PDB file of N, CA and C in Angstrom:
ATOM      1  N   UNK A   1     -11.704   3.146   6.462  1.00  0.00           N
ATOM      2  CA  UNK A   1     -11.788   1.689   6.367  1.00  0.00           C
ATOM      3  C   UNK A   1     -10.998   1.563   5.066  1.00  0.00           C
ATOM      4  N   UNK A   2     -11.281   1.825   4.058  1.00  0.00           N
ATOM      5  CA  UNK A   2     -10.394   1.918   2.942  1.00  0.00           C
ATOM      6  C   UNK A   2      -8.946   2.079   3.417  1.00  0.00           C
ATOM      7  N   UNK A   3      -8.533   3.048   3.795  1.00  0.00           N
ATOM      8  CA  UNK A   3      -7.050   3.036   4.122  1.00  0.00           C
ATOM      9  C   UNK A   3      -6.774   1.900   5.134  1.00  0.00           C
ATOM     10  N   UNK A   4      -7.393   1.485   5.965  1.00  0.00           N
ATOM     11  CA  UNK A   4      -7.047   0.444   6.912  1.00  0.00           C
ATOM     12  C   UNK A   4      -6.752  -0.816   5.899  1.00  0.00           C
ATOM     13  N   UNK A   5      -7.922  -1.168   5.261  1.00  0.00           N
ATOM     14  CA  UNK A   5      -7.684  -2.346   4.068  1.00  0.00           C
ATOM     15  C   UNK A   5      -6.293  -2.322   3.442  1.00  0.00           C
ATOM     16  N   UNK A   6      -6.106  -0.958   2.744  1.00  0.00           N
ATOM     17  CA  UNK A   6      -5.108  -1.139   2.030  1.00  0.00           C
ATOM     18  C   UNK A   6      -3.954  -1.219   2.742  1.00  0.00           C
ATOM     19  N   UNK A   7      -3.441  -0.808   3.976  1.00  0.00           N
ATOM     20  CA  UNK A   7      -2.577  -0.815   4.900  1.00  0.00           C
ATOM     21  C   UNK A   7      -2.107  -2.107   5.375  1.00  0.00           C
ATOM     22  N   UNK A   8      -3.643  -2.875   5.331  1.00  0.00           N
ATOM     23  CA  UNK A   8      -3.300  -4.341   5.587  1.00  0.00           C
ATOM     24  C   UNK A   8      -2.723  -5.349   4.700  1.00  0.00           C
ATOM     25  N   UNK A   9      -3.410  -5.039   3.538  1.00  0.00           N
ATOM     26  CA  UNK A   9      -3.046  -5.420   2.477  1.00  0.00           C
ATOM     27  C   UNK A   9      -1.713  -5.738   2.179  1.00  0.00           C
ATOM     28  N   UNK A  10      -0.998  -4.756   2.186  1.00  0.00           N
ATOM     29  CA  UNK A  10       0.156  -4.297   1.934  1.00  0.00           C
ATOM     30  C   UNK A  10       1.357  -4.354   3.020  1.00  0.00           C
ATOM     31  N   UNK A  11       1.123  -4.453   4.350  1.00  0.00           N
ATOM     32  CA  UNK A  11       1.607  -4.736   5.573  1.00  0.00           C
ATOM     33  C   UNK A  11       1.906  -6.363   5.749  1.00  0.00           C
ATOM     34  N   UNK A  12       3.202  -6.517   6.244  1.00  0.00           N
ATOM     35  CA  UNK A  12       3.477  -8.009   6.643  1.00  0.00           C
ATOM     36  C   UNK A  12       3.040  -8.354   7.762  1.00  0.00           C
ATOM     37  N   UNK A  13       2.367  -9.562   7.741  1.00  0.00           N
ATOM     38  CA  UNK A  13       1.517 -10.241   8.779  1.00  0.00           C
ATOM     39  C   UNK A  13       2.481 -10.705   9.701  1.00  0.00           C
ATOM     40  N   UNK A  14       2.139 -10.733  11.166  1.00  0.00           N
ATOM     41  CA  UNK A  14       2.915 -11.590  11.990  1.00  0.00           C
ATOM     42  C   UNK A  14       2.432 -12.730  12.230  1.00  0.00           C
ATOM     43  N   UNK A  15       3.478 -13.829  12.266  1.00  0.00           N
ATOM     44  CA  UNK A  15       3.349 -15.347  12.135  1.00  0.00           C
ATOM     45  C   UNK A  15       2.179 -15.751  13.288  1.00  0.00           C
ATOM     46  N   UNK A  16       1.538 -16.892  12.475  1.00  0.00           N
ATOM     47  CA  UNK A  16       0.183 -17.457  13.353  1.00  0.00           C
ATOM     48  C   UNK A  16       1.050 -18.269  14.688  1.00  0.00           C
ATOM     49  N   UNK A  17       0.369 -18.284  16.004  1.00  0.00           N
ATOM     50  CA  UNK A  17       0.785 -19.115  17.065  1.00  0.00           C
ATOM     51  C   UNK A  17       1.258 -20.511  16.402  1.00  0.00           C
ATOM     52  N   UNK A  18       1.893 -21.113  17.226  1.00  0.00           N
ATOM     53  CA  UNK A  18       2.227 -22.552  16.959  1.00  0.00           C
ATOM     54  C   UNK A  18       0.979 -23.492  17.343  1.00  0.00           C
ATOM     55  N   UNK A  19       0.175 -22.869  18.368  1.00  0.00           N
ATOM     56  CA  UNK A  19      -0.835 -23.555  18.791  1.00  0.00           C
ATOM     57  C   UNK A  19      -1.540 -23.479  17.992  1.00  0.00           C
ATOM     58  N   UNK A  20      -2.107 -22.869  17.038  1.00  0.00           N
ATOM     59  CA  UNK A  20      -3.062 -22.453  16.412  1.00  0.00           C
ATOM     60  C   UNK A  20      -2.797 -23.946  15.368  1.00  0.00           C
ATOM     61  N   UNK A  21      -4.266 -24.307  14.900  1.00  0.00           N
ATOM     62  CA  UNK A  21      -4.418 -25.705  13.926  1.00  0.00           C
ATOM     63  C   UNK A  21      -4.465 -24.967  12.520  1.00  0.00           C
ATOM     64  N   UNK A  22      -4.539 -25.978  11.760  1.00  0.00           N
ATOM     65  CA  UNK A  22      -4.741 -25.943  10.133  1.00  0.00           C
ATOM     66  C   UNK A  22      -5.806 -25.312   9.938  1.00  0.00           C
ATOM     67  N   UNK A  23      -7.012 -25.684  10.372  1.00  0.00           N
ATOM     68  CA  UNK A  23      -8.469 -25.386  10.251  1.00  0.00           C
ATOM     69  C   UNK A  23      -8.151 -23.549  10.901  1.00  0.00           C
ATOM     70  N   UNK A  24      -8.101 -23.173  11.977  1.00  0.00           N
ATOM     71  CA  UNK A  24      -8.275 -22.214  12.429  1.00  0.00           C
ATOM     72  C   UNK A  24      -7.087 -21.308  10.995  1.00  0.00           C
ATOM     73  N   UNK A  25      -5.821 -21.566  10.912  1.00  0.00           N
ATOM     74  CA  UNK A  25      -5.460 -20.932  10.057  1.00  0.00           C
ATOM     75  C   UNK A  25      -5.775 -20.238   8.690  1.00  0.00           C
ATOM     76  N   UNK A  26      -6.889 -21.344   8.086  1.00  0.00           N
ATOM     77  CA  UNK A  26      -7.360 -21.244   7.135  1.00  0.00           C
ATOM     78  C   UNK A  26      -8.801 -20.219   7.242  1.00  0.00           C
ATOM     79  N   UNK A  27      -9.580 -20.335   8.407  1.00  0.00           N
ATOM     80  CA  UNK A  27     -10.780 -19.478   8.727  1.00  0.00           C
ATOM     81  C   UNK A  27     -10.216 -18.317   9.026  1.00  0.00           C
ATOM     82  N   UNK A  28      -9.203 -18.048   9.715  1.00  0.00           N
ATOM     83  CA  UNK A  28      -8.935 -16.411  10.507  1.00  0.00           C
ATOM     84  C   UNK A  28      -8.772 -15.870   9.076  1.00  0.00           C
ATOM     85  N   UNK A  29      -7.973 -15.820   7.923  1.00  0.00           N
ATOM     86  CA  UNK A  29      -8.205 -14.686   7.010  1.00  0.00           C
ATOM     87  C   UNK A  29      -9.510 -14.520   6.116  1.00  0.00           C
ATOM     88  N   UNK A  30     -10.320 -15.336   6.302  1.00  0.00           N
ATOM     89  CA  UNK A  30     -11.842 -15.423   5.405  1.00  0.00           C
ATOM     90  C   UNK A  30     -12.489 -14.818   6.615  1.00  0.00           C
ATOM     91  N   UNK A  31     -12.400 -14.505   7.698  1.00  0.00           N
ATOM     92  CA  UNK A  31     -13.306 -14.365   8.875  1.00  0.00           C
ATOM     93  C   UNK A  31     -12.557 -12.617   8.868  1.00  0.00           C
ATOM     94  N   UNK A  32     -11.395 -12.577   8.343  1.00  0.00           N
ATOM     95  CA  UNK A  32     -11.306 -11.100   8.515  1.00  0.00           C
ATOM     96  C   UNK A  32     -11.655 -10.272   7.364  1.00  0.00           C
ATOM     97  N   UNK A  33     -11.731 -10.977   6.166  1.00  0.00           N
ATOM     98  CA  UNK A  33     -12.251 -10.485   4.688  1.00  0.00           C
ATOM     99  C   UNK A  33     -14.151 -10.100   5.030  1.00  0.00           C
ATOM    100  N   UNK A  34     -14.360 -11.196   5.596  1.00  0.00           N
ATOM    101  CA  UNK A  34     -15.976 -10.959   6.041  1.00  0.00           C
ATOM    102  C   UNK A  34     -16.262  -9.705   7.023  1.00  0.00           C
ATOM    103  N   UNK A  35     -15.155  -9.411   7.774  1.00  0.00           N
ATOM    104  CA  UNK A  35     -15.596  -8.414   8.578  1.00  0.00           C
ATOM    105  C   UNK A  35     -15.413  -7.177   8.109  1.00  0.00           C
ATOM    106  N   UNK A  36     -14.390  -7.051   6.903  1.00  0.00           N
ATOM    107  CA  UNK A  36     -14.332  -5.971   6.357  1.00  0.00           C
ATOM    108  C   UNK A  36     -15.664  -5.665   5.004  1.00  0.00           C
ATOM    109  N   UNK A  37     -16.065  -6.870   4.728  1.00  0.00           N
ATOM    110  CA  UNK A  37     -17.383  -6.835   3.940  1.00  0.00           C
ATOM    111  C   UNK A  37     -18.174  -5.855   4.769  1.00  0.00           C
ATOM    112  N   UNK A  38     -18.467  -6.461   5.976  1.00  0.00           N
ATOM    113  CA  UNK A  38     -19.424  -5.857   6.839  1.00  0.00           C
ATOM    114  C   UNK A  38     -19.150  -4.583   7.190  1.00  0.00           C
ATOM    115  N   UNK A  39     -17.916  -3.811   7.234  1.00  0.00           N
ATOM    116  CA  UNK A  39     -17.933  -2.551   7.489  1.00  0.00           C
ATOM    117  C   UNK A  39     -17.995  -1.749   6.083  1.00  0.00           C
ATOM    118  N   UNK A  40     -18.230  -2.375   4.736  1.00  0.00           N
ATOM    119  CA  UNK A  40     -18.785  -1.651   3.925  1.00  0.00           C
ATOM    120  C   UNK A  40     -20.103  -1.458   3.606  1.00  0.00           C
ATOM    121  N   UNK A  41     -20.718  -2.851   4.154  1.00  0.00           N
ATOM    122  CA  UNK A  41     -22.127  -2.705   3.809  1.00  0.00           C
ATOM    123  C   UNK A  41     -22.807  -2.283   5.060  1.00  0.00           C
ATOM    124  N   UNK A  42     -22.442  -2.217   6.146  1.00  0.00           N
ATOM    125  CA  UNK A  42     -23.144  -1.456   6.982  1.00  0.00           C
ATOM    126  C   UNK A  42     -23.508  -0.033   6.777  1.00  0.00           C
ATOM    127  N   UNK A  43     -22.804   1.177   6.578  1.00  0.00           N
ATOM    128  CA  UNK A  43     -23.298   2.327   6.243  1.00  0.00           C
ATOM    129  C   UNK A  43     -24.437   2.445   5.033  1.00  0.00           C
ATOM    130  N   UNK A  44     -24.079   1.376   3.796  1.00  0.00           N
ATOM    131  CA  UNK A  44     -25.165   1.427   2.676  1.00  0.00           C
ATOM    132  C   UNK A  44     -26.447   1.249   3.434  1.00  0.00           C
ATOM    133  N   UNK A  45     -26.244   0.088   4.360  1.00  0.00           N
ATOM    134  CA  UNK A  45     -27.977  -0.243   4.637  1.00  0.00           C
ATOM    135  C   UNK A  45     -28.587   0.763   5.481  1.00  0.00           C
ATOM    136  N   UNK A  46     -27.843   1.663   6.200  1.00  0.00           N
ATOM    137  CA  UNK A  46     -27.936   2.747   7.141  1.00  0.00           C
ATOM    138  C   UNK A  46     -28.743   3.589   6.183  1.00  0.00           C
ATOM    139  N   UNK A  47     -27.902   4.042   4.644  1.00  0.00           N
ATOM    140  CA  UNK A  47     -28.363   4.945   3.722  1.00  0.00           C
ATOM    141  C   UNK A  47     -29.630   4.578   3.190  1.00  0.00           C
ATOM    142  N   UNK A  48     -29.674   3.379   3.004  1.00  0.00           N
ATOM    143  CA  UNK A  48     -31.157   2.620   2.314  1.00  0.00           C
ATOM    144  C   UNK A  48     -31.989   2.908   3.244  1.00  0.00           C
ATOM    145  N   UNK A  49     -31.915   2.573   4.518  1.00  0.00           N
ATOM    146  CA  UNK A  49     -32.760   2.636   5.405  1.00  0.00           C
ATOM    147  C   UNK A  49     -33.403   3.989   5.775  1.00  0.00           C
ATOM    148  N   UNK A  50     -32.434   4.926   5.715  1.00  0.00           N
ATOM    149  CA  UNK A  50     -32.770   6.235   6.157  1.00  0.00           C
ATOM    150  C   UNK A  50     -33.585   6.757   4.760  1.00  0.00           C
ATOM    151  N   UNK A  51     -33.081   6.180   3.567  1.00  0.00           N
ATOM    152  CA  UNK A  51     -34.157   7.165   2.189  1.00  0.00           C
ATOM    153  C   UNK A  51     -35.296   6.143   2.550  1.00  0.00           C
ATOM    154  N   UNK A  52     -35.653   5.183   2.622  1.00  0.00           N
ATOM    155  CA  UNK A  52     -36.758   4.147   2.782  1.00  0.00           C
ATOM    156  C   UNK A  52     -37.662   5.199   3.497  1.00  0.00           C
ATOM    157  N   UNK A  53     -37.384   5.715   4.661  1.00  0.00           N
ATOM    158  CA  UNK A  53     -38.141   6.151   5.672  1.00  0.00           C
ATOM    159  C   UNK A  53     -38.119   8.105   5.343  1.00  0.00           C
ATOM    160  N   UNK A  54     -37.476   8.017   4.230  1.00  0.00           N
ATOM    161  CA  UNK A  54     -37.442   9.474   3.776  1.00  0.00           C
ATOM    162  C   UNK A  54     -37.093  10.372   4.683  1.00  0.00           C
ATOM    163  N   UNK A  55     -35.936  10.045   5.298  1.00  0.00           N
ATOM    164  CA  UNK A  55     -35.311  11.031   6.054  1.00  0.00           C
ATOM    165  C   UNK A  55     -34.013  11.683   5.410  1.00  0.00           C
ATOM    166  N   UNK A  56     -33.834  13.212   5.671  1.00  0.00           N
ATOM    167  CA  UNK A  56     -32.790  14.145   5.224  1.00  0.00           C
ATOM    168  C   UNK A  56     -31.507  13.640   5.283  1.00  0.00           C
ATOM    169  N   UNK A  57     -30.611  12.956   4.796  1.00  0.00           N
ATOM    170  CA  UNK A  57     -29.312  12.654   5.158  1.00  0.00           C
ATOM    171  C   UNK A  57     -28.263  13.643   4.987  1.00  0.00           C
ATOM    172  N   UNK A  58     -28.028  14.519   5.913  1.00  0.00           N
ATOM    173  CA  UNK A  58     -27.001  15.496   6.130  1.00  0.00           C
ATOM    174  C   UNK A  58     -25.684  15.032   6.416  1.00  0.00           C
ATOM    175  N   UNK A  59     -24.647  15.175   5.687  1.00  0.00           N
ATOM    176  CA  UNK A  59     -23.529  14.973   5.969  1.00  0.00           C
ATOM    177  C   UNK A  59     -22.686  16.040   6.833  1.00  0.00           C
ATOM    178  N   UNK A  60     -22.573  16.819   6.314  1.00  0.00           N
ATOM    179  CA  UNK A  60     -21.894  18.173   6.439  1.00  0.00           C
ATOM    180  C   UNK A  60     -22.502  19.306   5.969  1.00  0.00           C
ATOM    181  N   UNK A  61     -23.085  19.915   7.239  1.00  0.00           N
ATOM    182  CA  UNK A  61     -23.772  21.711   6.611  1.00  0.00           C
ATOM    183  C   UNK A  61     -24.529  21.099   5.620  1.00  0.00           C
ATOM    184  N   UNK A  62     -24.421  21.981   4.561  1.00  0.00           N
ATOM    185  CA  UNK A  62     -25.585  21.720   3.479  1.00  0.00           C
ATOM    186  C   UNK A  62     -25.177  20.731   2.188  1.00  0.00           C
ATOM    187  N   UNK A  63     -24.641  19.770   2.876  1.00  0.00           N
ATOM    188  CA  UNK A  63     -23.869  18.849   1.735  1.00  0.00           C
ATOM    189  C   UNK A  63     -24.810  17.648   2.268  1.00  0.00           C
ATOM    190  N   UNK A  64     -25.738  16.807   1.463  1.00  0.00           N
ATOM    191  CA  UNK A  64     -26.611  15.920   1.606  1.00  0.00           C
ATOM    192  C   UNK A  64     -26.344  14.483   0.831  1.00  0.00           C
ATOM    193  N   UNK A  65     -26.935  13.659   0.861  1.00  0.00           N
ATOM    194  CA  UNK A  65     -26.698  12.575   0.250  1.00  0.00           C
ATOM    195  C   UNK A  65     -28.374  12.569  -0.487  1.00  0.00           C
ATOM    196  N   UNK A  66     -28.138  12.157  -1.662  1.00  0.00           N
ATOM    197  CA  UNK A  66     -29.488  11.777  -2.596  1.00  0.00           C
ATOM    198  C   UNK A  66     -30.292  10.671  -2.243  1.00  0.00           C
ATOM    199  N   UNK A  67     -31.235  10.510  -1.993  1.00  0.00           N
ATOM    200  CA  UNK A  67     -32.067   9.478  -1.641  1.00  0.00           C
ATOM    201  C   UNK A  67     -31.489   7.950  -2.632  1.00  0.00           C
ATOM    202  N   UNK A  68     -32.127   6.991  -2.133  1.00  0.00           N
ATOM    203  CA  UNK A  68     -31.208   5.776  -2.788  1.00  0.00           C
ATOM    204  C   UNK A  68     -32.397   5.228  -4.080  1.00  0.00           C
ATOM    205  N   UNK A  69     -33.563   5.983  -3.804  1.00  0.00           N
ATOM    206  CA  UNK A  69     -34.757   5.707  -4.893  1.00  0.00           C
ATOM    207  C   UNK A  69     -35.409   6.705  -5.021  1.00  0.00           C
ATOM    208  N   UNK A  70     -35.917   6.874  -6.079  1.00  0.00           N
ATOM    209  CA  UNK A  70     -36.768   8.260  -6.958  1.00  0.00           C
ATOM    210  C   UNK A  70     -38.390   7.424  -6.537  1.00  0.00           C
ATOM    211  N   UNK A  71     -39.190   8.339  -6.226  1.00  0.00           N
ATOM    212  CA  UNK A  71     -40.520   8.001  -6.484  1.00  0.00           C
ATOM    213  C   UNK A  71     -41.154   8.723  -7.491  1.00  0.00           C
ATOM    214  N   UNK A  72     -42.346   8.033  -8.237  1.00  0.00           N
ATOM    215  CA  UNK A  72     -42.849   8.746  -9.192  1.00  0.00           C
ATOM    216  C   UNK A  72     -43.932   9.580  -8.719  1.00  0.00           C
TER     217      UNK A  72
END
């Protein structure tokens, strides 16, 4: 996702269609940034939910993510 975001930032954009209104032209970049934000937040929410349920989070073999909180 990070590679895609960097590539999107440094590549040239195709022109907007002539039939696109001014409002649509201003909302399109904002909605794209919102979708990128959701792509970042989604795995963090999953990590938090699994940690709250005390499930082990295994990435690859013996590589584990630490819980997002500690209990006393």
